Amino acid sequence: MQNGTVDTGEKVKGISIRVLVVLTIAAIFLCVLFFLAHEVVLEDQTSFDFSVFHYLDRYRSPGTTKVLTFFTFFGSINFLLPAYVLLSLYFIFFKRNNIRSFNIAAIGLSSGLLLYLIKNIFQRDRPPNPLIANVSGFSFPSGHSFSSFTFVGIIIYLLWQSKFATVLKYAGTIVLLFFAAIIAFSRVYLQVHYASDVIAGFCLSFVWLALCIFILKRINRKGDFSKKAVA
């Protein structure tokens, strides 16, 4: 009995530490987000953004532009919308987990609405000389950065909820974050977003995903309690 109590206490302590770490990181990223919104959007301090463009000029080439144009597609709605649909359907038909499917769909839809709202609040113009055509919409925050990190964050969360070996979880996390980082970097390299847009998109993604997971977990727990009460 005593061992069981100790094990439970250790689990609770471990969960509390993880929650505290996530809250601390989210608070830091939220501060960075507010700082960027104030400095680069409201105060129009663009020296950092254009210095990044000037630095990247020496590394631009047709080959690199072609490769990063390919990667930037994976942060677009043309890829992410079908990806969300397929992931949701996977949990419905293969895992028989309607709750998880609903959670994924809810995060995807709410993320799109949040991004649309914030972009229209700040209405920051895009960089003047993009390297690709047919670029529209406002610039802050980067939709590709926000959306790719959010989707990758969902996959990482699901990965750590799975029964895969720990080494595979770490390896998968590194690969997925690196993939999302390439997508985010491609937006700056292609000059369709400022570096501050991309950083803001990443920070917003972490904060929003952490909030969504917290809220959905609370909703799901209440649903379970209601079912038990009825039963």
Protein backbone atom coordinates (compact mmCIF):
# COMPACT_ATOMS: atom_id res chain seq x y z
CA MET A 1 0.00 0.00 0.00
CA GLN A 2 2.81 2.34 0.89
CA ASN A 3 4.62 1.60 -2.39
CA GLY A 4 1.44 2.36 -4.29
CA THR A 5 1.11 5.69 -2.52
CA VAL A 6 4.75 6.55 -3.25
CA ASP A 7 4.35 5.63 -6.93
CA THR A 8 1.21 7.77 -7.22
CA GLY A 9 2.96 10.67 -5.52
CA GLU A 10 5.91 10.41 -7.88
CA LYS A 11 3.59 10.37 -10.90
CA VAL A 12 1.73 13.43 -9.68
CA LYS A 13 5.02 15.20 -9.00
CA GLY A 14 6.28 14.29 -12.49
CA ILE A 15 3.09 15.61 -14.10
CA SER A 16 3.28 18.81 -12.03
CA ILE A 17 6.86 19.44 -13.15
CA ARG A 18 5.93 18.91 -16.81
CA VAL A 19 2.98 21.28 -16.48
CA LEU A 20 5.19 23.89 -14.81
CA VAL A 21 7.79 23.59 -17.59
CA VAL A 22 5.14 23.95 -20.30
CA LEU A 23 3.58 26.96 -18.55
CA THR A 24 6.98 28.62 -18.18
CA ILE A 25 7.85 28.12 -21.84
CA ALA A 26 4.39 29.30 -22.92
CA ALA A 27 4.75 32.43 -20.78
CA ILE A 28 8.15 33.21 -22.32
CA PHE A 29 6.85 32.70 -25.88
CA LEU A 30 3.79 34.82 -25.11
CA CYS A 31 6.07 37.65 -23.97
CA VAL A 32 8.14 37.31 -27.15
CA LEU A 33 4.93 37.41 -29.20
CA PHE A 34 3.73 40.60 -27.52
CA PHE A 35 7.19 42.16 -27.88
CA LEU A 36 7.28 41.43 -31.61
CA ALA A 37 3.74 42.69 -32.11
CA HIS A 38 4.61 45.95 -30.41
CA GLU A 39 8.07 46.56 -31.86
CA VAL A 40 7.89 45.34 -35.46
CA VAL A 41 4.19 45.86 -36.19
CA LEU A 42 2.98 48.78 -34.09
CA GLU A 43 6.32 50.64 -33.92
CA ASP A 44 7.45 49.50 -37.40
CA GLN A 45 10.97 48.57 -36.25
CA THR A 46 12.12 46.56 -39.28
CA SER A 47 15.92 46.79 -39.03
CA PHE A 48 16.22 43.21 -37.75
CA ASP A 49 14.00 41.82 -40.51
CA PHE A 50 15.85 43.54 -43.34
CA SER A 51 19.24 42.65 -41.89
CA VAL A 52 18.15 38.99 -42.10
CA PHE A 53 17.17 39.48 -45.75
CA HIS A 54 20.54 41.09 -46.51
CA TYR A 55 22.37 38.26 -44.79
CA LEU A 56 20.47 35.63 -46.81
CA ASP A 57 21.17 37.41 -50.10
CA ARG A 58 24.68 35.93 -50.24
CA TYR A 59 23.30 32.38 -50.02
CA ARG A 60 20.46 32.65 -52.54
CA SER A 61 20.70 30.56 -55.69
CA PRO A 62 18.21 29.10 -58.21
CA GLY A 63 18.78 25.60 -56.84
CA THR A 64 18.20 26.57 -53.21
CA THR A 65 15.16 28.62 -54.17
CA LYS A 66 13.68 25.62 -55.97
CA VAL A 67 14.27 23.30 -53.00
CA LEU A 68 12.76 25.70 -50.46
CA THR A 69 9.81 26.42 -52.74
CA PHE A 70 9.13 22.68 -52.61
CA PHE A 71 9.30 22.61 -48.80
CA THR A 72 7.13 25.70 -48.35
CA PHE A 73 4.20 23.80 -49.91
CA PHE A 74 3.96 21.60 -46.80
CA GLY A 75 2.98 24.61 -44.70
CA SER A 76 0.13 25.60 -47.02
CA ILE A 77 -3.56 24.87 -46.64
CA ASN A 78 -3.36 22.72 -49.78
CA PHE A 79 -1.30 20.21 -47.80
CA LEU A 80 -2.40 20.76 -44.21
CA LEU A 81 -6.17 20.59 -44.79
CA PRO A 82 -6.02 17.09 -46.35
CA ALA A 83 -3.47 16.10 -43.69
CA TYR A 84 -5.83 17.09 -40.87
CA VAL A 85 -8.72 15.27 -42.56
CA LEU A 86 -6.70 12.08 -43.07
CA LEU A 87 -5.37 12.15 -39.51
CA SER A 88 -8.87 12.60 -38.11
CA LEU A 89 -10.24 9.79 -40.29
CA TYR A 90 -7.37 7.54 -39.22
CA PHE A 91 -8.42 7.79 -35.58
CA ILE A 92 -12.09 7.24 -36.46
CA PHE A 93 -11.76 4.18 -38.68
CA PHE A 94 -8.50 2.55 -37.58
CA LYS A 95 -8.15 3.48 -33.92
CA ARG A 96 -11.88 3.73 -33.15
CA ASN A 97 -11.12 6.86 -31.15
CA ASN A 98 -13.76 9.46 -31.98
CA ILE A 99 -12.68 11.76 -29.14
CA ARG A 100 -9.12 12.04 -30.42
CA SER A 101 -10.40 12.58 -33.96
CA PHE A 102 -12.63 15.39 -32.71
CA ASN A 103 -9.74 16.95 -30.80
CA ILE A 104 -7.53 17.01 -33.90
CA ALA A 105 -10.29 18.54 -36.02
CA ALA A 106 -11.06 21.11 -33.31
CA ILE A 107 -7.43 22.22 -33.08
CA GLY A 108 -7.14 22.45 -36.87
CA LEU A 109 -10.30 24.53 -37.30
CA SER A 110 -9.69 26.80 -34.31
CA SER A 111 -6.09 27.39 -35.44
CA GLY A 112 -7.29 28.60 -38.83
CA LEU A 113 -9.81 30.96 -37.23
CA LEU A 114 -7.24 32.31 -34.77
CA LEU A 115 -4.71 32.95 -37.53
CA TYR A 116 -7.29 34.77 -39.67
CA LEU A 117 -8.31 36.92 -36.71
CA ILE A 118 -4.79 37.93 -35.67
CA LYS A 119 -3.66 38.67 -39.22
CA ASN A 120 -6.63 40.99 -39.73
CA ILE A 121 -6.02 42.72 -36.41
CA PHE A 122 -2.41 43.67 -37.21
CA GLN A 123 -2.69 43.87 -41.03
CA ARG A 124 1.06 43.98 -41.59
CA ASP A 125 2.07 44.22 -45.25
CA ARG A 126 4.26 41.50 -46.70
CA PRO A 127 7.88 42.10 -47.79
CA PRO A 128 8.07 44.10 -51.03
CA ASN A 129 10.06 41.66 -53.21
CA PRO A 130 8.91 38.03 -52.80
CA LEU A 131 10.75 35.36 -54.80
CA ILE A 132 7.56 33.45 -55.61
CA ALA A 133 4.35 34.57 -57.29
CA ASN A 134 0.73 34.62 -56.12
CA VAL A 135 1.45 35.69 -52.55
CA SER A 136 -1.51 37.36 -50.85
CA GLY A 137 -2.83 38.19 -47.41
CA PHE A 138 -1.23 39.86 -44.44
CA SER A 139 2.21 39.03 -43.09
CA PHE A 140 2.06 38.89 -39.27
CA PRO A 141 2.25 36.23 -38.00
CA SER A 142 3.46 33.74 -40.60
CA GLY A 143 0.63 31.34 -41.37
CA HIS A 144 3.02 28.69 -42.70
CA SER A 145 5.14 28.87 -39.56
CA PHE A 146 2.16 28.82 -37.20
CA SER A 147 0.29 26.09 -39.07
CA SER A 148 3.25 23.77 -39.68
CA PHE A 149 4.47 23.94 -36.07
CA THR A 150 0.91 23.40 -34.82
CA PHE A 151 0.38 20.32 -36.99
CA VAL A 152 3.82 18.96 -36.19
CA GLY A 153 3.13 19.65 -32.51
CA ILE A 154 0.01 17.49 -32.71
CA ILE A 155 1.99 14.64 -34.29
CA ILE A 156 4.68 14.97 -31.61
CA TYR A 157 2.06 14.90 -28.85
CA LEU A 158 0.48 11.78 -30.36
CA LEU A 159 3.92 10.23 -30.72
CA TRP A 160 4.65 10.67 -27.01
CA GLN A 161 1.23 9.24 -26.15
CA SER A 162 2.05 6.09 -28.14
CA LYS A 163 3.88 2.93 -27.06
CA PHE A 164 6.92 3.49 -29.27
CA ALA A 165 10.35 3.17 -27.71
CA THR A 166 11.66 6.34 -26.07
CA VAL A 167 14.56 6.61 -28.51
CA LEU A 168 12.11 6.60 -31.43
CA LYS A 169 10.04 9.30 -29.74
CA TYR A 170 13.08 11.55 -29.38
CA ALA A 171 14.22 10.84 -32.94
CA GLY A 172 10.75 11.50 -34.32
CA THR A 173 10.46 14.73 -32.37
CA ILE A 174 13.77 16.03 -33.70
CA VAL A 175 12.92 15.12 -37.31
CA LEU A 176 9.45 16.67 -37.13
CA LEU A 177 10.68 19.91 -35.54
CA PHE A 178 13.45 20.15 -38.10
CA PHE A 179 10.94 19.66 -40.91
CA ALA A 180 8.69 22.43 -39.55
CA ALA A 181 11.75 24.67 -39.09
CA ILE A 182 12.67 24.23 -42.75
CA ILE A 183 9.15 25.25 -43.76
CA ALA A 184 9.36 28.32 -41.52
CA PHE A 185 12.83 29.22 -42.82
CA SER A 186 11.65 28.88 -46.41
CA ARG A 187 9.20 31.72 -45.87
CA VAL A 188 11.99 34.10 -44.89
CA TYR A 189 14.36 32.89 -47.61
CA LEU A 190 11.64 33.33 -50.26
CA GLN A 191 10.92 36.81 -48.84
CA VAL A 192 7.21 36.21 -48.43
CA HIS A 193 7.53 36.79 -44.68
CA TYR A 194 9.81 38.71 -42.36
CA ALA A 195 11.86 36.78 -39.82
CA SER A 196 9.79 38.35 -37.04
CA ASP A 197 6.62 36.95 -38.68
CA VAL A 198 8.07 33.45 -38.57
CA ILE A 199 9.24 33.75 -34.96
CA ALA A 200 5.81 35.06 -33.97
CA GLY A 201 4.14 32.16 -35.78
CA PHE A 202 6.25 29.64 -33.87
CA CYS A 203 5.59 31.30 -30.49
CA LEU A 204 1.87 31.54 -31.16
CA SER A 205 1.80 27.89 -32.21
CA PHE A 206 3.29 26.66 -28.93
CA VAL A 207 1.03 28.83 -26.77
CA TRP A 208 -2.11 27.95 -28.73
CA LEU A 209 -1.39 24.22 -28.89
CA ALA A 210 -0.66 24.05 -25.15
CA LEU A 211 -3.92 25.90 -24.44
CA CYS A 212 -5.92 23.66 -26.79
CA ILE A 213 -4.55 20.45 -25.26
CA PHE A 214 -5.30 21.73 -21.75
CA ILE A 215 -8.88 22.74 -22.61
CA LEU A 216 -9.67 19.59 -24.59
CA LYS A 217 -8.31 17.37 -21.80
CA ARG A 218 -10.61 19.10 -19.31
CA ILE A 219 -13.59 18.72 -21.65
CA ASN A 220 -12.84 15.05 -22.28
CA ARG A 221 -12.48 14.33 -18.56
CA LYS A 222 -15.84 15.97 -17.82
CA GLY A 223 -17.37 13.88 -20.59
CA ASP A 224 -15.99 10.70 -19.03
CA PHE A 225 -17.31 11.67 -15.60
CA SER A 226 -20.76 12.39 -17.06
CA LYS A 227 -20.88 8.98 -18.75
CA LYS A 228 -19.90 7.25 -15.51
CA ALA A 229 -22.52 9.17 -13.59
CA VAL A 230 -25.24 8.19 -16.07
CA ALA A 231 -24.09 4.58 -16.01
